[in-house]
Amino acid sequence: MSEKPYRYFISFFHPNGFGNIDIALKKPIENSIEIELIEEEISRIKGYSDITVINFKLFDKSEVQA
């Protein structure tokens, strides 16, 4: 099994428009602090500033194992 079994599709806004990313996490998203950490990670990965997560969706387990 994967070390990061929770895969999310995340939609976000940045000053130049919108984007999305697939992120794998060790545990499920449960609070706003985790969303803020994800926004920081997206900024680091994508090179954008001022990221705002609009929505996120956990992939079904069948999709994660595929």
N, C-alpha and C. Protein backbone atom coordinates (compact mmCIF):
# COMPACT_ATOMS: atom_id res chain seq x y z
N MET A 1 0.84 -1.19 0.00
CA MET A 1 0.00 0.00 0.00
C MET A 1 0.88 1.25 0.00
N SER A 2 0.41 2.28 -0.61
CA SER A 2 1.15 3.53 -0.73
C SER A 2 1.36 4.17 0.64
N GLU A 3 2.50 4.85 0.80
CA GLU A 3 2.79 5.57 2.03
C GLU A 3 1.85 6.77 2.20
N LYS A 4 1.32 7.26 1.09
CA LYS A 4 0.37 8.38 1.10
C LYS A 4 -0.92 7.93 0.41
N PRO A 5 -1.79 7.24 1.16
CA PRO A 5 -2.96 6.61 0.54
C PRO A 5 -4.13 7.54 0.20
N TYR A 6 -4.08 8.80 0.62
CA TYR A 6 -5.19 9.71 0.36
C TYR A 6 -4.83 10.65 -0.79
N ARG A 7 -5.44 10.40 -1.95
CA ARG A 7 -5.19 11.25 -3.13
C ARG A 7 -6.37 12.18 -3.33
N TYR A 8 -6.05 13.46 -3.50
CA TYR A 8 -7.08 14.48 -3.68
C TYR A 8 -6.89 15.22 -5.00
N PHE A 9 -8.01 15.55 -5.62
CA PHE A 9 -8.03 16.49 -6.74
C PHE A 9 -8.38 17.83 -6.11
N ILE A 10 -7.50 18.83 -6.28
CA ILE A 10 -7.69 20.12 -5.62
C ILE A 10 -7.78 21.22 -6.66
N SER A 11 -8.84 22.02 -6.59
CA SER A 11 -9.00 23.19 -7.45
C SER A 11 -8.60 24.42 -6.64
N PHE A 12 -7.91 25.35 -7.31
CA PHE A 12 -7.46 26.53 -6.59
C PHE A 12 -7.46 27.77 -7.47
N PHE A 13 -7.42 28.92 -6.81
CA PHE A 13 -7.35 30.22 -7.46
C PHE A 13 -5.99 30.83 -7.12
N HIS A 14 -5.41 31.54 -8.09
CA HIS A 14 -4.20 32.32 -7.87
C HIS A 14 -4.35 33.63 -8.61
N PRO A 15 -3.50 34.63 -8.37
CA PRO A 15 -3.70 35.95 -8.96
C PRO A 15 -3.84 35.98 -10.49
N ASN A 16 -3.31 34.98 -11.19
CA ASN A 16 -3.38 34.96 -12.65
C ASN A 16 -4.50 34.07 -13.19
N GLY A 17 -5.28 33.46 -12.30
CA GLY A 17 -6.36 32.61 -12.79
C GLY A 17 -6.65 31.43 -11.87
N PHE A 18 -6.97 30.31 -12.48
CA PHE A 18 -7.37 29.11 -11.75
C PHE A 18 -6.44 27.96 -12.12
N GLY A 19 -6.42 26.94 -11.27
CA GLY A 19 -5.62 25.76 -11.56
C GLY A 19 -6.15 24.57 -10.78
N ASN A 20 -5.54 23.42 -11.02
CA ASN A 20 -5.87 22.23 -10.26
C ASN A 20 -4.64 21.35 -10.15
N ILE A 21 -4.66 20.46 -9.17
CA ILE A 21 -3.51 19.60 -8.91
C ILE A 21 -4.00 18.33 -8.22
N ASP A 22 -3.28 17.26 -8.40
CA ASP A 22 -3.52 15.98 -7.74
C ASP A 22 -2.45 15.87 -6.66
N ILE A 23 -2.87 15.75 -5.39
CA ILE A 23 -1.93 15.67 -4.27
C ILE A 23 -2.22 14.43 -3.45
N ALA A 24 -1.15 13.71 -3.07
CA ALA A 24 -1.27 12.54 -2.19
C ALA A 24 -0.85 12.93 -0.78
N LEU A 25 -1.64 12.49 0.20
CA LEU A 25 -1.40 12.82 1.60
C LEU A 25 -1.38 11.56 2.46
N LYS A 26 -0.72 11.65 3.61
CA LYS A 26 -0.67 10.52 4.54
C LYS A 26 -1.97 10.33 5.30
N LYS A 27 -2.73 11.43 5.47
CA LYS A 27 -3.99 11.35 6.21
C LYS A 27 -5.03 12.22 5.53
N PRO A 28 -6.30 12.00 5.83
CA PRO A 28 -7.35 12.79 5.17
C PRO A 28 -7.33 14.25 5.62
N ILE A 29 -7.84 15.13 4.77
CA ILE A 29 -8.00 16.54 5.11
C ILE A 29 -9.15 16.65 6.10
N GLU A 30 -8.87 17.28 7.25
CA GLU A 30 -9.89 17.36 8.30
C GLU A 30 -10.15 18.75 8.83
N ASN A 31 -9.29 19.74 8.49
CA ASN A 31 -9.52 21.07 9.05
C ASN A 31 -8.88 22.15 8.18
N SER A 32 -9.15 23.39 8.53
CA SER A 32 -8.68 24.52 7.72
C SER A 32 -7.17 24.72 7.80
N ILE A 33 -6.55 24.30 8.89
CA ILE A 33 -5.09 24.40 8.99
C ILE A 33 -4.44 23.53 7.93
N GLU A 34 -4.98 22.35 7.70
CA GLU A 34 -4.44 21.47 6.66
C GLU A 34 -4.62 22.08 5.28
N ILE A 35 -5.73 22.78 5.05
CA ILE A 35 -5.95 23.47 3.77
C ILE A 35 -4.88 24.54 3.58
N GLU A 36 -4.57 25.29 4.63
CA GLU A 36 -3.54 26.32 4.54
C GLU A 36 -2.17 25.70 4.20
N LEU A 37 -1.87 24.55 4.79
CA LEU A 37 -0.61 23.86 4.47
C LEU A 37 -0.59 23.40 3.02
N ILE A 38 -1.73 22.95 2.53
CA ILE A 38 -1.84 22.53 1.13
C ILE A 38 -1.64 23.75 0.22
N GLU A 39 -2.21 24.89 0.58
CA GLU A 39 -2.02 26.11 -0.22
C GLU A 39 -0.54 26.47 -0.29
N GLU A 40 0.17 26.33 0.82
CA GLU A 40 1.62 26.60 0.83
C GLU A 40 2.36 25.61 -0.06
N GLU A 41 1.96 24.35 -0.02
CA GLU A 41 2.61 23.33 -0.84
C GLU A 41 2.35 23.58 -2.32
N ILE A 42 1.14 23.96 -2.68
CA ILE A 42 0.83 24.29 -4.07
C ILE A 42 1.68 25.47 -4.52
N SER A 43 1.82 26.48 -3.67
CA SER A 43 2.67 27.63 -4.01
C SER A 43 4.10 27.19 -4.30
N ARG A 44 4.60 26.28 -3.47
CA ARG A 44 5.96 25.77 -3.65
C ARG A 44 6.10 24.97 -4.94
N ILE A 45 5.13 24.09 -5.19
CA ILE A 45 5.19 23.22 -6.38
C ILE A 45 5.00 24.01 -7.67
N LYS A 46 3.98 24.85 -7.70
CA LYS A 46 3.60 25.55 -8.92
C LYS A 46 4.29 26.89 -9.12
N GLY A 47 4.84 27.47 -8.05
CA GLY A 47 5.51 28.76 -8.16
C GLY A 47 4.57 29.95 -8.16
N TYR A 48 3.33 29.74 -7.74
CA TYR A 48 2.36 30.83 -7.64
C TYR A 48 2.35 31.37 -6.22
N SER A 49 1.93 32.63 -6.07
CA SER A 49 1.74 33.19 -4.74
C SER A 49 0.24 33.35 -4.51
N ASP A 50 -0.13 33.54 -3.27
CA ASP A 50 -1.53 33.81 -2.90
C ASP A 50 -2.49 32.76 -3.44
N ILE A 51 -2.22 31.50 -3.14
CA ILE A 51 -3.11 30.40 -3.53
C ILE A 51 -4.31 30.34 -2.60
N THR A 52 -5.49 30.13 -3.17
CA THR A 52 -6.70 29.90 -2.40
C THR A 52 -7.36 28.62 -2.90
N VAL A 53 -7.46 27.61 -2.04
CA VAL A 53 -8.14 26.38 -2.42
C VAL A 53 -9.63 26.67 -2.53
N ILE A 54 -10.21 26.29 -3.66
CA ILE A 54 -11.64 26.50 -3.91
C ILE A 54 -12.43 25.25 -3.51
N ASN A 55 -11.87 24.08 -3.87
CA ASN A 55 -12.58 22.83 -3.63
C ASN A 55 -11.57 21.69 -3.64
N PHE A 56 -11.92 20.59 -2.98
CA PHE A 56 -11.10 19.38 -3.05
C PHE A 56 -12.00 18.17 -3.01
N LYS A 57 -11.53 17.09 -3.64
CA LYS A 57 -12.31 15.86 -3.74
C LYS A 57 -11.36 14.68 -3.57
N LEU A 58 -11.68 13.81 -2.64
CA LEU A 58 -10.91 12.60 -2.44
C LEU A 58 -11.24 11.62 -3.55
N PHE A 59 -10.20 11.09 -4.19
CA PHE A 59 -10.43 10.07 -5.21
C PHE A 59 -10.98 8.82 -4.54
N ASP A 60 -11.83 8.06 -5.23
CA ASP A 60 -12.33 6.80 -4.71
C ASP A 60 -11.18 5.85 -4.48
N LYS A 61 -11.32 4.96 -3.51
CA LYS A 61 -10.26 4.01 -3.22
C LYS A 61 -9.88 3.19 -4.45
N SER A 62 -10.86 2.85 -5.28
CA SER A 62 -10.56 2.07 -6.49
C SER A 62 -9.65 2.85 -7.43
N GLU A 63 -9.79 4.19 -7.45
CA GLU A 63 -8.95 5.02 -8.29
C GLU A 63 -7.56 5.16 -7.68
N VAL A 64 -7.46 5.18 -6.35
CA VAL A 64 -6.18 5.33 -5.67
C VAL A 64 -5.32 4.10 -5.90
N GLN A 65 -5.91 2.91 -5.86
CA GLN A 65 -5.15 1.69 -6.01
C GLN A 65 -4.78 1.40 -7.45
N ALA A 66 -5.45 2.03 -8.40
CA ALA A 66 -5.19 1.77 -9.83
C ALA A 66 -3.84 2.30 -10.26
